[in-house]
N, C-alpha and C. Protein backbone atom coordinates (compact mmCIF):
# COMPACT_ATOMS: atom_id res chain seq x y z
N MET A 1 19.79 10.39 -8.62
CA MET A 1 19.36 9.33 -9.45
C MET A 1 18.41 8.41 -8.67
N MET A 2 18.76 8.02 -7.41
CA MET A 2 17.99 7.16 -6.56
C MET A 2 16.64 7.92 -6.19
N ALA A 3 16.70 9.22 -5.95
CA ALA A 3 15.47 9.97 -5.62
C ALA A 3 14.41 9.87 -6.79
N LEU A 4 14.95 9.99 -8.03
CA LEU A 4 14.07 10.07 -9.20
C LEU A 4 13.52 8.61 -9.37
N LEU A 5 14.40 7.59 -9.18
CA LEU A 5 13.82 6.20 -9.16
C LEU A 5 12.67 5.95 -8.16
N MET A 6 12.94 6.43 -7.01
CA MET A 6 11.86 6.19 -5.98
C MET A 6 10.62 7.03 -6.29
N LEU A 7 10.75 8.28 -6.83
CA LEU A 7 9.72 9.00 -7.23
C LEU A 7 8.86 8.40 -8.29
N LEU A 8 9.49 7.86 -9.30
CA LEU A 8 8.85 7.16 -10.39
C LEU A 8 8.24 5.87 -9.91
N THR A 9 8.86 5.13 -8.99
CA THR A 9 8.28 3.95 -8.43
C THR A 9 6.97 4.32 -7.76
N GLY A 10 7.06 5.29 -6.89
CA GLY A 10 5.77 5.68 -6.17
C GLY A 10 4.66 6.15 -7.13
N LEU A 11 4.98 6.84 -8.18
CA LEU A 11 3.91 7.25 -9.10
C LEU A 11 3.35 6.00 -9.91
N VAL A 12 4.13 5.03 -10.20
CA VAL A 12 3.73 3.86 -10.93
C VAL A 12 2.81 3.16 -9.95
N LEU A 13 3.19 2.94 -8.69
CA LEU A 13 2.35 2.26 -7.76
C LEU A 13 1.01 2.92 -7.49
N LEU A 14 1.04 4.23 -7.32
CA LEU A 14 -0.17 4.98 -7.24
C LEU A 14 -1.11 4.79 -8.40
N ALA A 15 -0.51 4.87 -9.59
CA ALA A 15 -1.40 4.78 -10.84
C ALA A 15 -1.95 3.41 -10.82
N ALA A 16 -1.18 2.28 -10.47
CA ALA A 16 -1.62 1.04 -10.51
C ALA A 16 -2.83 0.83 -9.50
N GLY A 17 -2.62 1.44 -8.38
CA GLY A 17 -3.66 1.36 -7.24
C GLY A 17 -5.00 1.97 -7.78
N VAL A 18 -4.91 3.10 -8.31
CA VAL A 18 -6.08 3.78 -8.97
C VAL A 18 -6.77 2.98 -9.94
N ILE A 19 -5.96 2.42 -10.89
CA ILE A 19 -6.59 1.55 -11.88
C ILE A 19 -7.18 0.35 -11.26
N LEU A 20 -6.63 -0.32 -10.26
CA LEU A 20 -7.31 -1.41 -9.61
C LEU A 20 -8.60 -1.05 -8.94
N LEU A 21 -8.56 0.07 -8.27
CA LEU A 21 -9.78 0.59 -7.61
C LEU A 21 -10.95 0.74 -8.63
N VAL A 22 -10.62 1.41 -9.77
CA VAL A 22 -11.64 1.63 -10.82
C VAL A 22 -12.12 0.26 -11.32
N LEU A 23 -11.27 -0.58 -11.59
CA LEU A 23 -11.69 -1.92 -12.22
C LEU A 23 -12.49 -2.76 -11.10
N GLU A 24 -12.13 -2.66 -9.82
CA GLU A 24 -12.84 -3.37 -8.85
C GLU A 24 -14.23 -2.77 -8.70
N GLU A 25 -14.33 -1.49 -8.71
CA GLU A 25 -15.62 -0.80 -8.64
C GLU A 25 -16.60 -1.21 -9.76
N ALA A 26 -16.02 -1.27 -11.00
CA ALA A 26 -16.73 -1.68 -12.19
C ALA A 26 -17.33 -3.10 -12.02
N VAL A 27 -16.50 -3.97 -11.62
CA VAL A 27 -16.96 -5.42 -11.39
C VAL A 27 -17.82 -5.49 -10.24
N GLY A 28 -17.70 -4.81 -9.27
CA GLY A 28 -18.59 -4.82 -8.13
C GLY A 28 -19.98 -4.36 -8.48
N ARG A 29 -20.12 -3.30 -9.32
CA ARG A 29 -21.40 -2.73 -9.66
C ARG A 29 -22.17 -3.78 -10.46
N ARG A 30 -21.44 -4.61 -11.25
CA ARG A 30 -22.17 -5.60 -12.10
C ARG A 30 -22.78 -6.76 -11.19
N GLU A 31 -22.09 -7.08 -10.13
CA GLU A 31 -22.44 -8.13 -9.30
C GLU A 31 -23.59 -7.81 -8.33
N GLY A 32 -23.83 -6.55 -8.20
CA GLY A 32 -25.00 -6.22 -7.31
C GLY A 32 -24.57 -5.68 -6.02
N GLY A 33 -25.40 -5.90 -5.00
CA GLY A 33 -25.10 -5.36 -3.64
C GLY A 33 -23.87 -5.98 -2.98
N ARG A 34 -23.18 -5.16 -2.31
CA ARG A 34 -21.98 -5.70 -1.64
C ARG A 34 -21.79 -4.75 -0.40
N GLU A 35 -21.12 -5.22 0.60
CA GLU A 35 -20.82 -4.41 1.85
C GLU A 35 -19.45 -3.76 1.67
N PHE A 36 -19.35 -2.68 2.32
CA PHE A 36 -18.16 -1.83 2.33
C PHE A 36 -17.20 -2.42 3.39
N ARG A 37 -15.92 -2.67 2.93
CA ARG A 37 -14.98 -2.95 3.89
C ARG A 37 -13.75 -2.22 3.48
N GLY A 38 -13.06 -1.53 4.40
CA GLY A 38 -11.92 -0.68 4.18
C GLY A 38 -11.14 -0.39 5.39
N GLY A 39 -10.08 0.38 5.21
CA GLY A 39 -9.21 0.73 6.33
C GLY A 39 -8.10 1.57 5.82
N PHE A 40 -7.21 1.90 6.65
CA PHE A 40 -6.01 2.71 6.25
C PHE A 40 -4.82 2.53 7.21
N VAL A 41 -3.69 2.89 6.73
CA VAL A 41 -2.46 2.63 7.40
C VAL A 41 -1.80 4.10 7.48
N VAL A 42 -1.49 4.51 8.65
CA VAL A 42 -0.75 5.81 8.91
C VAL A 42 0.67 5.36 9.49
N VAL A 43 1.76 5.75 8.81
CA VAL A 43 3.14 5.38 9.32
C VAL A 43 3.65 6.56 9.96
N VAL A 44 3.89 6.56 11.29
CA VAL A 44 4.51 7.53 12.04
C VAL A 44 5.85 7.04 12.36
N GLY A 45 6.83 7.63 11.69
CA GLY A 45 8.18 7.09 11.95
C GLY A 45 8.27 5.69 11.53
N PRO A 46 8.77 4.83 12.32
CA PRO A 46 8.87 3.38 12.04
C PRO A 46 7.61 2.65 12.42
N ILE A 47 6.70 3.35 13.04
CA ILE A 47 5.52 2.64 13.66
C ILE A 47 4.33 2.79 12.71
N PRO A 48 3.74 1.63 12.17
CA PRO A 48 2.52 1.79 11.39
C PRO A 48 1.27 1.71 12.34
N ILE A 49 0.37 2.58 12.08
CA ILE A 49 -0.94 2.56 12.79
C ILE A 49 -2.01 2.11 11.77
N VAL A 50 -2.64 1.00 12.09
CA VAL A 50 -3.67 0.37 11.23
C VAL A 50 -5.03 0.41 11.75
N VAL A 51 -5.89 0.91 10.94
CA VAL A 51 -7.39 0.84 11.31
C VAL A 51 -8.15 0.22 10.11
N GLY A 52 -8.94 -0.80 10.47
CA GLY A 52 -9.76 -1.55 9.48
C GLY A 52 -11.22 -1.65 9.96
N SER A 53 -12.07 -1.69 8.99
CA SER A 53 -13.52 -1.81 9.28
C SER A 53 -13.86 -3.32 9.89
N ASP A 54 -13.04 -4.28 9.61
CA ASP A 54 -13.25 -5.60 10.12
C ASP A 54 -11.94 -6.28 10.36
N GLU A 55 -11.92 -7.45 11.00
CA GLU A 55 -10.68 -8.13 11.37
C GLU A 55 -9.94 -8.57 10.17
N GLU A 56 -10.53 -9.04 9.17
CA GLU A 56 -9.89 -9.47 7.94
C GLU A 56 -9.05 -8.40 7.21
N THR A 57 -9.80 -7.20 7.13
CA THR A 57 -9.11 -6.08 6.55
C THR A 57 -7.93 -5.59 7.38
N GLY A 58 -8.10 -5.62 8.66
CA GLY A 58 -7.08 -5.21 9.50
C GLY A 58 -5.86 -6.07 9.48
N LYS A 59 -6.14 -7.41 9.32
CA LYS A 59 -4.91 -8.35 9.22
C LYS A 59 -4.22 -8.10 7.82
N THR A 60 -4.92 -7.91 6.80
CA THR A 60 -4.31 -7.57 5.50
C THR A 60 -3.52 -6.41 5.48
N LEU A 61 -4.10 -5.36 6.16
CA LEU A 61 -3.32 -4.01 6.27
C LEU A 61 -2.12 -4.22 6.98
N VAL A 62 -2.19 -4.89 8.05
CA VAL A 62 -0.90 -5.20 8.93
C VAL A 62 0.17 -5.83 8.02
N ILE A 63 -0.18 -6.78 7.32
CA ILE A 63 0.68 -7.51 6.41
C ILE A 63 1.30 -6.53 5.35
N LEU A 64 0.45 -5.71 4.77
CA LEU A 64 0.92 -4.73 3.82
C LEU A 64 1.80 -3.59 4.46
N ALA A 65 1.51 -3.25 5.71
CA ALA A 65 2.31 -2.31 6.50
C ALA A 65 3.71 -2.84 6.77
N ILE A 66 3.79 -4.11 7.08
CA ILE A 66 5.10 -4.67 7.29
C ILE A 66 5.86 -4.88 5.97
N ALA A 67 5.13 -5.21 4.86
CA ALA A 67 5.79 -5.28 3.64
C ALA A 67 6.33 -3.93 3.22
N LEU A 68 5.52 -2.91 3.41
CA LEU A 68 5.97 -1.55 3.10
C LEU A 68 7.13 -1.15 3.94
N SER A 69 7.21 -1.51 5.28
CA SER A 69 8.30 -1.20 5.95
C SER A 69 9.50 -1.91 5.57
N LEU A 70 9.47 -3.10 5.10
CA LEU A 70 10.59 -3.92 4.71
C LEU A 70 11.09 -3.28 3.41
N VAL A 71 10.26 -2.88 2.58
CA VAL A 71 10.66 -2.28 1.29
C VAL A 71 11.39 -0.93 1.47
N ALA A 72 10.85 -0.16 2.50
CA ALA A 72 11.48 1.12 2.74
C ALA A 72 12.80 0.85 3.38
N LEU A 73 13.01 -0.07 4.26
CA LEU A 73 14.32 -0.45 4.86
C LEU A 73 15.32 -0.89 3.83
N ALA A 74 14.82 -1.69 2.83
CA ALA A 74 15.74 -2.18 1.77
C ALA A 74 16.24 -1.08 0.98
N LEU A 75 15.27 -0.13 0.56
CA LEU A 75 15.63 1.08 -0.20
C LEU A 75 16.57 1.94 0.55
N PHE A 76 16.49 2.05 1.86
CA PHE A 76 17.31 2.81 2.61
C PHE A 76 18.79 2.16 2.64
N LEU A 77 18.78 0.90 2.78
CA LEU A 77 20.09 0.18 2.96
C LEU A 77 20.90 -0.05 1.70
N VAL A 78 20.20 -0.17 0.50
CA VAL A 78 20.83 -0.32 -0.70
C VAL A 78 21.95 0.72 -0.95
N PRO A 79 21.79 1.89 -0.83
CA PRO A 79 22.84 2.86 -1.20
C PRO A 79 24.04 2.74 -0.13
N LEU A 80 23.77 2.36 1.08
CA LEU A 80 24.75 2.14 2.05
C LEU A 80 25.61 0.91 1.79
N ILE A 81 24.95 -0.13 1.27
CA ILE A 81 25.67 -1.36 0.92
C ILE A 81 26.52 -1.18 -0.35
N LEU A 82 25.92 -0.57 -1.28
CA LEU A 82 26.53 -0.29 -2.57
C LEU A 82 27.60 0.78 -2.54
N GLY A 83 27.53 1.61 -1.54
CA GLY A 83 28.39 2.60 -1.16
C GLY A 83 28.93 3.62 -1.94
């Protein structure tokens, strides 16, 4: 049951991310020229590796990586606590 819930949560978050990217791209095209800023997070075990095109993007990704790690920890601990 928990695995199905986690799978569905992941799929919903993935779909929401794709929708946000499409909407952001549509708005950006109307505004004209803009610069590319991006980055990525690779989680190896408990250690997130963050790469960003600029400092602001890197800081944002670090915050998101910490939040993701806390959510993963909470999802891991909930079954242990509820027992």
